[in-house]
Amino acid sequence: MSTDEQQDWQSWHEGRIVTVAAPHGPLSLSGTHWLSDHPDGRIPAVPGRWREDGDAVLLTATPEDGLSVDGKPLTGDIRLAADRGPIGEARVTHGGRRLVVLSREGLWAVRDFDPGSAARQAFRTIEATPYDADWALPGTFRPYPADRTIRVENADGVERGLGLGGEIVFDVDGTEHTLQVAVEHDGSLWAVFADATSGSSSYRFRFLRPAPPAADGSVNVDFNRALLPPCAFADHFICPFPPPGNTLAFPVPAGERNRIDA
């Protein structure tokens, strides 16, 4: 193991802890409110009136609601598209809270990110296995001829579509294994996987985000950087479960393991 690899991983791990514990990091999510559950537009504990309006959300606020949009107090109506940027840059704010508009498969929701959430106050650190060079594996990306969408259960119990663009192939102890992956807009890959440690010594599933493959398809499958999904930090995320074939029969004793609270 090189000292540089160890140091790079340690910096990554420490950065992850800072990101997770940030004021509007995943620990601050205190609710995901689907507007279909609130036909009158009133969401308990969330100011304003939020209604579906075709391809947008119509937010109505009074001065008493204390809402701001783009840094200016809101009185009256405004149509909002889904927020795409960082949580801290969400258009709608209520004091320190960020109210994020979300769209999934034609349904609209409002997410409430509150820096004062109980989960954020309780958080201490992320348990992770120290870097092990044996789990930084050479692999190959094999794109599918066309993107696929399969239905998988999500953490909130609802089945949704998961887009897949190919698979990564790698060897462990001389045996070939594959994981189906999505291809992100920047060319990086995203796998949702479980292994023989899932639900025991690690969270029930994890994410892996390899960098974009090289021109020849080679890719670094580094399980040292296996990530806890957002739903490991707050129950209100709707993370997809691993698709069929992405549960590895062997243990992967590497990467992030569990959230640790004080």
Protein backbone atom coordinates (compact mmCIF):
# COMPACT_ATOMS: atom_id res chain seq x y z
CA MET A 1 0.00 0.00 0.00
CA SER A 2 1.40 3.40 -0.93
CA THR A 3 1.38 6.25 1.57
CA ASP A 4 -0.27 8.47 -1.07
CA GLU A 5 -3.20 6.05 -1.47
CA GLN A 6 -3.65 5.86 2.30
CA GLN A 7 -3.53 9.65 2.65
CA ASP A 8 -5.90 10.18 -0.28
CA TRP A 9 -8.40 7.80 1.26
CA GLN A 10 -8.06 9.41 4.71
CA SER A 11 -8.72 12.86 3.18
CA TRP A 12 -11.74 11.46 1.32
CA HIS A 13 -13.09 9.86 4.50
CA GLU A 14 -12.66 13.02 6.57
CA GLY A 15 -14.27 15.06 3.80
CA ARG A 16 -17.26 12.74 3.77
CA ILE A 17 -17.81 13.26 7.49
CA VAL A 18 -17.72 17.03 7.03
CA THR A 19 -20.12 16.87 4.07
CA VAL A 20 -22.60 14.64 5.87
CA ALA A 21 -22.56 16.83 8.99
CA ALA A 22 -22.91 20.12 7.08
CA PRO A 23 -25.90 22.35 7.96
CA HIS A 24 -27.80 21.17 4.88
CA GLY A 25 -26.21 17.74 4.53
CA PRO A 26 -28.25 14.53 4.49
CA LEU A 27 -28.57 14.48 8.28
CA SER A 28 -30.65 17.66 8.11
CA LEU A 29 -33.49 16.13 6.06
CA SER A 30 -36.45 16.20 8.43
CA GLY A 31 -39.20 15.32 5.96
CA THR A 32 -40.12 14.42 2.38
CA HIS A 33 -43.72 15.52 1.85
CA TRP A 34 -45.53 14.23 -1.26
CA LEU A 35 -48.09 16.75 -2.41
CA SER A 36 -50.50 13.98 -3.39
CA ASP A 37 -50.80 13.29 0.35
CA HIS A 38 -51.81 16.92 0.99
CA PRO A 39 -54.52 17.81 -1.55
CA ASP A 40 -55.31 21.07 0.28
CA GLY A 41 -51.69 22.18 -0.16
CA ARG A 42 -51.07 22.43 3.56
CA ILE A 43 -48.06 20.45 4.83
CA PRO A 44 -47.81 20.10 8.62
CA ALA A 45 -44.88 22.12 10.02
CA VAL A 46 -44.04 23.57 6.56
CA PRO A 47 -45.18 27.17 5.97
CA GLY A 48 -47.07 28.22 2.85
CA ARG A 49 -49.46 26.42 0.56
CA TRP A 50 -47.92 23.96 -1.92
CA ARG A 51 -49.95 22.66 -4.88
CA GLU A 52 -49.19 20.78 -8.07
CA ASP A 53 -49.59 23.01 -11.13
CA GLY A 54 -48.90 20.97 -14.25
CA ASP A 55 -45.15 20.81 -14.76
CA ALA A 56 -44.42 22.89 -11.65
CA VAL A 57 -45.37 23.50 -8.03
CA LEU A 58 -47.42 26.57 -7.14
CA LEU A 59 -46.34 28.06 -3.81
CA THR A 60 -48.58 30.62 -2.12
CA ALA A 61 -47.27 32.51 0.89
CA THR A 62 -48.33 35.32 3.21
CA PRO A 63 -45.97 37.59 5.16
CA GLU A 64 -46.77 35.54 8.27
CA ASP A 65 -45.34 32.41 6.62
CA GLY A 66 -41.85 33.92 6.68
CA LEU A 67 -40.80 32.33 3.40
CA SER A 68 -38.21 33.74 1.02
CA VAL A 69 -37.51 32.85 -2.60
CA ASP A 70 -34.15 33.71 -4.15
CA GLY A 71 -33.33 35.67 -1.02
CA LYS A 72 -36.41 37.91 -1.12
CA PRO A 73 -39.52 37.63 1.11
CA LEU A 74 -42.42 35.97 -0.72
CA THR A 75 -45.96 37.30 -0.64
CA GLY A 76 -48.38 35.84 -3.16
CA ASP A 77 -47.82 33.06 -5.72
CA ILE A 78 -44.78 31.67 -7.49
CA ARG A 79 -44.37 28.64 -9.77
CA LEU A 80 -41.37 26.48 -8.93
CA ALA A 81 -39.59 23.83 -10.96
CA ALA A 82 -37.68 21.01 -9.30
CA ASP A 83 -34.47 22.10 -7.56
CA ARG A 84 -31.42 20.63 -9.30
CA GLY A 85 -28.48 22.25 -7.51
CA PRO A 86 -26.93 21.89 -4.05
CA ILE A 87 -29.35 21.87 -1.14
CA GLY A 88 -27.84 25.02 0.31
CA GLU A 89 -28.76 26.85 -2.90
CA ALA A 90 -32.43 25.84 -2.88
CA ARG A 91 -34.69 28.72 -3.92
CA VAL A 92 -37.13 28.56 -0.98
CA THR A 93 -35.92 29.25 2.55
CA HIS A 94 -37.49 29.61 5.97
CA GLY A 95 -34.83 30.98 8.28
CA GLY A 96 -32.04 28.40 8.19
CA ARG A 97 -34.26 25.75 6.61
CA ARG A 98 -34.15 24.89 2.91
CA LEU A 99 -37.42 23.75 1.29
CA VAL A 100 -36.49 21.76 -1.79
CA VAL A 101 -38.92 20.98 -4.60
CA LEU A 102 -38.62 17.39 -5.82
CA SER A 103 -40.15 15.53 -8.77
CA ARG A 104 -40.15 11.75 -9.19
CA GLU A 105 -42.04 9.95 -11.97
CA GLY A 106 -44.61 12.72 -12.28
CA LEU A 107 -45.18 13.18 -8.55
CA TRP A 108 -44.13 16.29 -6.66
CA ALA A 109 -42.77 16.62 -3.15
CA VAL A 110 -41.23 19.18 -0.81
CA ARG A 111 -38.20 18.25 1.22
CA ASP A 112 -37.46 20.06 4.47
CA PHE A 113 -33.76 20.37 5.30
CA ASP A 114 -33.43 21.68 8.85
CA PRO A 115 -29.94 22.25 10.36
CA GLY A 116 -31.51 21.73 13.78
CA SER A 117 -32.70 18.19 13.01
CA ALA A 118 -32.39 15.58 15.74
CA ALA A 119 -30.30 13.31 13.48
CA ARG A 120 -27.74 16.05 12.83
CA GLN A 121 -27.47 16.85 16.52
CA ALA A 122 -26.93 13.18 17.41
CA PHE A 123 -24.37 12.37 14.70
CA ARG A 124 -20.77 11.64 15.72
CA THR A 125 -18.99 10.04 12.76
CA ILE A 126 -19.03 7.49 9.93
CA GLU A 127 -17.61 4.09 10.76
CA ALA A 128 -15.34 3.03 7.90
CA THR A 129 -12.76 0.28 7.35
CA PRO A 130 -9.18 1.58 7.02
CA TYR A 131 -7.86 1.64 3.47
CA ASP A 132 -6.97 -1.79 2.04
CA ALA A 133 -5.27 -1.81 -1.37
CA ASP A 134 -6.61 -5.33 -2.02
CA TRP A 135 -10.09 -3.81 -2.43
CA ALA A 136 -9.05 -1.32 -5.13
CA LEU A 137 -9.75 -3.62 -8.06
CA PRO A 138 -9.14 -3.22 -11.79
CA GLY A 139 -12.35 -3.58 -13.73
CA THR A 140 -13.97 -3.13 -17.10
CA PHE A 141 -17.10 -1.21 -18.00
CA ARG A 142 -19.38 -2.87 -20.53
CA PRO A 143 -22.08 -0.49 -21.78
CA TYR A 144 -25.47 -1.86 -22.76
CA PRO A 145 -26.51 -1.37 -26.40
CA ALA A 146 -29.33 0.80 -25.05
CA ASP A 147 -30.15 2.14 -21.59
CA ARG A 148 -32.49 0.02 -19.49
CA THR A 149 -34.96 0.94 -16.77
CA ILE A 150 -35.97 -1.65 -14.22
CA ARG A 151 -38.38 -1.38 -11.31
CA VAL A 152 -36.84 -1.71 -7.85
CA GLU A 153 -38.17 -1.12 -4.37
CA ASN A 154 -37.07 2.09 -2.68
CA ALA A 155 -36.33 2.75 0.98
CA ASP A 156 -39.81 4.24 1.48
CA GLY A 157 -41.44 1.00 0.28
CA VAL A 158 -42.45 2.36 -3.14
CA GLU A 159 -41.28 0.73 -6.37
CA ARG A 160 -39.67 3.13 -8.87
CA GLY A 161 -37.67 2.97 -12.06
CA LEU A 162 -33.87 2.69 -11.90
CA GLY A 163 -31.98 3.55 -15.07
CA LEU A 164 -29.01 1.33 -15.94
CA GLY A 165 -26.44 1.93 -18.67
CA GLY A 166 -24.14 -1.07 -18.38
CA GLU A 167 -22.14 -3.21 -15.98
CA ILE A 168 -18.72 -3.25 -14.41
CA VAL A 169 -16.78 -6.52 -14.41
CA PHE A 170 -14.05 -7.32 -11.87
CA ASP A 171 -12.32 -10.32 -10.29
CA VAL A 172 -12.24 -11.28 -6.62
CA ASP A 173 -9.99 -14.24 -5.75
CA GLY A 174 -9.94 -15.32 -9.37
CA THR A 175 -13.71 -15.30 -9.85
CA GLU A 176 -15.43 -12.82 -12.17
CA HIS A 177 -18.24 -10.70 -10.77
CA THR A 178 -20.44 -7.96 -12.20
CA LEU A 179 -22.45 -5.01 -10.92
CA GLN A 180 -25.06 -3.19 -12.97
CA VAL A 181 -24.44 0.55 -13.03
CA ALA A 182 -26.07 3.80 -14.04
CA VAL A 183 -24.07 6.26 -16.12
CA GLU A 184 -24.17 9.80 -14.74
CA HIS A 185 -24.17 12.98 -16.86
CA ASP A 186 -20.42 13.45 -16.33
CA GLY A 187 -19.64 9.88 -17.41
CA SER A 188 -19.05 8.57 -13.90
CA LEU A 189 -20.76 5.37 -12.82
CA TRP A 190 -23.14 4.58 -9.97
CA ALA A 191 -23.83 1.15 -8.52
CA VAL A 192 -26.25 0.22 -5.74
CA PHE A 193 -24.98 -3.00 -4.18
CA ALA A 194 -25.19 -5.27 -1.17
CA ASP A 195 -22.79 -7.98 0.02
CA ALA A 196 -22.46 -10.62 2.71
CA THR A 197 -21.85 -7.93 5.37
CA SER A 198 -25.00 -5.96 4.53
CA GLY A 199 -27.43 -5.72 7.42
CA SER A 200 -24.88 -7.12 9.89
CA SER A 201 -21.49 -5.39 10.08
CA SER A 202 -22.46 -2.78 7.48
CA TYR A 203 -25.60 -0.92 6.43
CA ARG A 204 -28.16 -2.93 4.44
CA PHE A 205 -26.79 -1.68 1.10
CA ARG A 206 -24.24 0.81 -0.16
CA PHE A 207 -23.36 2.95 -3.17
CA LEU A 208 -20.25 2.80 -5.32
CA ARG A 209 -19.34 5.70 -7.63
CA PRO A 210 -16.40 4.85 -9.93
CA ALA A 211 -14.86 7.61 -12.02
CA PRO A 212 -15.59 7.66 -15.78
CA PRO A 213 -14.05 4.66 -17.56
CA ALA A 214 -11.03 5.12 -19.80
CA ALA A 215 -11.42 4.92 -23.58
CA ASP A 216 -10.72 1.17 -23.47
CA GLY A 217 -13.40 0.63 -20.81
CA SER A 218 -10.99 0.11 -17.93
CA VAL A 219 -12.25 1.42 -14.61
CA ASN A 220 -11.09 1.46 -11.00
CA VAL A 221 -13.54 -0.50 -8.83
CA ASP A 222 -12.45 0.82 -5.44
CA PHE A 223 -14.60 -0.62 -2.67
CA ASN A 224 -12.62 1.43 -0.15
CA ARG A 225 -14.85 4.27 -1.30
CA ALA A 226 -18.12 2.42 -0.92
CA LEU A 227 -20.60 4.97 0.39
CA LEU A 228 -23.45 4.83 2.83
CA PRO A 229 -26.60 5.89 0.95
CA PRO A 230 -28.43 9.04 2.06
CA CYS A 231 -31.14 6.97 3.75
CA ALA A 232 -28.49 5.75 6.22
CA PHE A 233 -28.48 9.30 7.60
CA ALA A 234 -32.18 10.23 7.43
CA ASP A 235 -35.28 8.06 7.06
CA HIS A 236 -36.88 10.53 4.64
CA PHE A 237 -34.71 9.70 1.63
CA ILE A 238 -36.06 7.34 -1.05
CA CYS A 239 -32.87 5.48 -1.99
CA PRO A 240 -33.28 2.58 -4.43
CA PHE A 241 -32.46 -0.93 -3.24
CA PRO A 242 -29.90 -2.98 -5.22
CA PRO A 243 -31.26 -4.25 -8.55
CA PRO A 244 -31.32 -8.01 -9.20
CA GLY A 245 -27.77 -9.31 -9.55
CA ASN A 246 -26.18 -6.56 -7.46
CA THR A 247 -26.08 -8.53 -4.21
CA LEU A 248 -22.59 -10.03 -3.92
CA ALA A 249 -22.43 -13.40 -2.17
CA PHE A 250 -19.09 -12.64 -0.52
CA PRO A 251 -18.21 -10.06 2.16
CA VAL A 252 -16.78 -6.69 1.13
CA PRO A 253 -14.98 -5.57 4.32
CA ALA A 254 -14.10 -2.14 2.94
CA GLY A 255 -15.48 1.38 2.72
CA GLU A 256 -18.10 3.06 4.86
CA ARG A 257 -19.92 0.70 7.23
CA ASN A 258 -22.42 2.51 9.44
CA ARG A 259 -23.45 5.85 10.88
CA ILE A 260 -22.28 6.33 14.47
CA ASP A 261 -24.21 8.61 16.81
CA ALA A 262 -23.06 10.10 20.09
